[in-house]
Amino acid sequence: MAETKTLNPMAMTADEVARALGVPREWLEEDMEAGAPRNADGTVNILHYAAWLNVKLQEDEGAEA
């Protein structure tokens, strides 16, 4: 029987985050280059990432107004 890996939402790889969100890994990589938060070991806290995305969305909406 195959062993399943438990995901840690505070330390996910870029591939795990992309799969969890259903987006291409390239999108996540672009966000990381734009300043999205990462842990010291390069993993992603998906809650911090979601908060960062929310701030960016609000900034973008404010720029359109």
C-alpha atoms as a PDB file:
ATOM      1  CA  MET A   1       0.000   0.000   0.000  1.00  0.00           C
ATOM      2  CA  ALA A   2       1.300   3.476  -0.899  1.00  0.00           C
ATOM      3  CA  GLU A   3       2.276   5.777   1.931  1.00  0.00           C
ATOM      4  CA  THR A   4       0.591   9.184   1.903  1.00  0.00           C
ATOM      5  CA  LYS A   5       2.464  12.330   2.855  1.00  0.00           C
ATOM      6  CA  THR A   6       0.808  14.711   5.267  1.00  0.00           C
ATOM      7  CA  LEU A   7       1.022  18.323   4.145  1.00  0.00           C
ATOM      8  CA  ASN A   8       2.168  20.958   6.595  1.00  0.00           C
ATOM      9  CA  PRO A   9       0.415  24.220   5.619  1.00  0.00           C
ATOM     10  CA  MET A  10       3.209  26.160   7.324  1.00  0.00           C
ATOM     11  CA  ALA A  11       5.953  24.567   5.201  1.00  0.00           C
ATOM     12  CA  MET A  12       4.850  23.519   1.720  1.00  0.00           C
ATOM     13  CA  THR A  13       6.981  23.236  -1.388  1.00  0.00           C
ATOM     14  CA  ALA A  14       6.142  25.392  -4.382  1.00  0.00           C
ATOM     15  CA  ASP A  15       4.811  22.311  -6.178  1.00  0.00           C
ATOM     16  CA  GLU A  16       2.536  21.463  -3.231  1.00  0.00           C
ATOM     17  CA  VAL A  17       1.166  25.018  -3.067  1.00  0.00           C
ATOM     18  CA  ALA A  18       0.558  25.121  -6.816  1.00  0.00           C
ATOM     19  CA  ARG A  19      -1.269  21.773  -6.702  1.00  0.00           C
ATOM     20  CA  ALA A  20      -3.312  22.812  -3.655  1.00  0.00           C
ATOM     21  CA  LEU A  21      -4.398  26.037  -5.360  1.00  0.00           C
ATOM     22  CA  GLY A  22      -4.813  24.493  -8.794  1.00  0.00           C
ATOM     23  CA  VAL A  23      -2.504  26.988 -10.472  1.00  0.00           C
ATOM     24  CA  PRO A  24       0.629  26.602 -12.588  1.00  0.00           C
ATOM     25  CA  ARG A  25       3.859  26.566 -10.574  1.00  0.00           C
ATOM     26  CA  GLU A  26       5.065  29.438 -12.769  1.00  0.00           C
ATOM     27  CA  TRP A  27       2.433  31.727 -11.217  1.00  0.00           C
ATOM     28  CA  LEU A  28       3.769  30.954  -7.754  1.00  0.00           C
ATOM     29  CA  GLU A  29       7.350  31.514  -8.917  1.00  0.00           C
ATOM     30  CA  GLU A  30       6.362  34.915 -10.354  1.00  0.00           C
ATOM     31  CA  ASP A  31       4.778  35.854  -7.028  1.00  0.00           C
ATOM     32  CA  MET A  32       7.931  34.794  -5.167  1.00  0.00           C
ATOM     33  CA  GLU A  33      10.001  37.009  -7.453  1.00  0.00           C
ATOM     34  CA  ALA A  34       7.540  39.844  -6.726  1.00  0.00           C
ATOM     35  CA  GLY A  35       8.085  39.488  -2.977  1.00  0.00           C
ATOM     36  CA  ALA A  36       5.656  36.815  -1.762  1.00  0.00           C
ATOM     37  CA  PRO A  37       6.771  35.506   1.637  1.00  0.00           C
ATOM     38  CA  ARG A  38       8.884  32.378   1.980  1.00  0.00           C
ATOM     39  CA  ASN A  39      10.301  30.523   4.934  1.00  0.00           C
ATOM     40  CA  ALA A  40      14.076  30.526   5.464  1.00  0.00           C
ATOM     41  CA  ASP A  41      14.282  27.018   3.966  1.00  0.00           C
ATOM     42  CA  GLY A  42      12.441  28.088   0.798  1.00  0.00           C
ATOM     43  CA  THR A  43       9.125  26.489   1.703  1.00  0.00           C
ATOM     44  CA  VAL A  44       5.879  28.460   1.753  1.00  0.00           C
ATOM     45  CA  ASN A  45       3.438  29.046   4.598  1.00  0.00           C
ATOM     46  CA  ILE A  46       0.232  28.918   2.553  1.00  0.00           C
ATOM     47  CA  LEU A  47      -1.595  31.150   5.058  1.00  0.00           C
ATOM     48  CA  HIS A  48       1.056  33.875   4.794  1.00  0.00           C
ATOM     49  CA  TYR A  49       1.004  33.507   1.027  1.00  0.00           C
ATOM     50  CA  ALA A  50      -2.801  33.846   0.940  1.00  0.00           C
ATOM     51  CA  ALA A  51      -2.600  36.987   3.101  1.00  0.00           C
ATOM     52  CA  TRP A  52       0.056  38.432   0.762  1.00  0.00           C
ATOM     53  CA  LEU A  53      -2.151  37.689  -2.255  1.00  0.00           C
ATOM     54  CA  ASN A  54      -5.072  39.438  -0.548  1.00  0.00           C
ATOM     55  CA  VAL A  55      -2.993  42.567   0.065  1.00  0.00           C
ATOM     56  CA  LYS A  56      -1.827  42.567  -3.569  1.00  0.00           C
ATOM     57  CA  LEU A  57      -5.413  42.209  -4.789  1.00  0.00           C
ATOM     58  CA  GLN A  58      -6.513  45.139  -2.640  1.00  0.00           C
ATOM     59  CA  GLU A  59      -3.601  47.235  -3.912  1.00  0.00           C
ATOM     60  CA  ASP A  60      -4.506  46.402  -7.508  1.00  0.00           C
ATOM     61  CA  GLU A  61      -8.162  47.313  -6.930  1.00  0.00           C
ATOM     62  CA  GLY A  62      -7.101  50.625  -5.354  1.00  0.00           C
ATOM     63  CA  ALA A  63      -4.925  51.428  -8.364  1.00  0.00           C
ATOM     64  CA  GLU A  64      -7.887  50.958 -10.708  1.00  0.00           C
ATOM     65  CA  ALA A  65     -10.153  53.341  -8.783  1.00  0.00           C
END
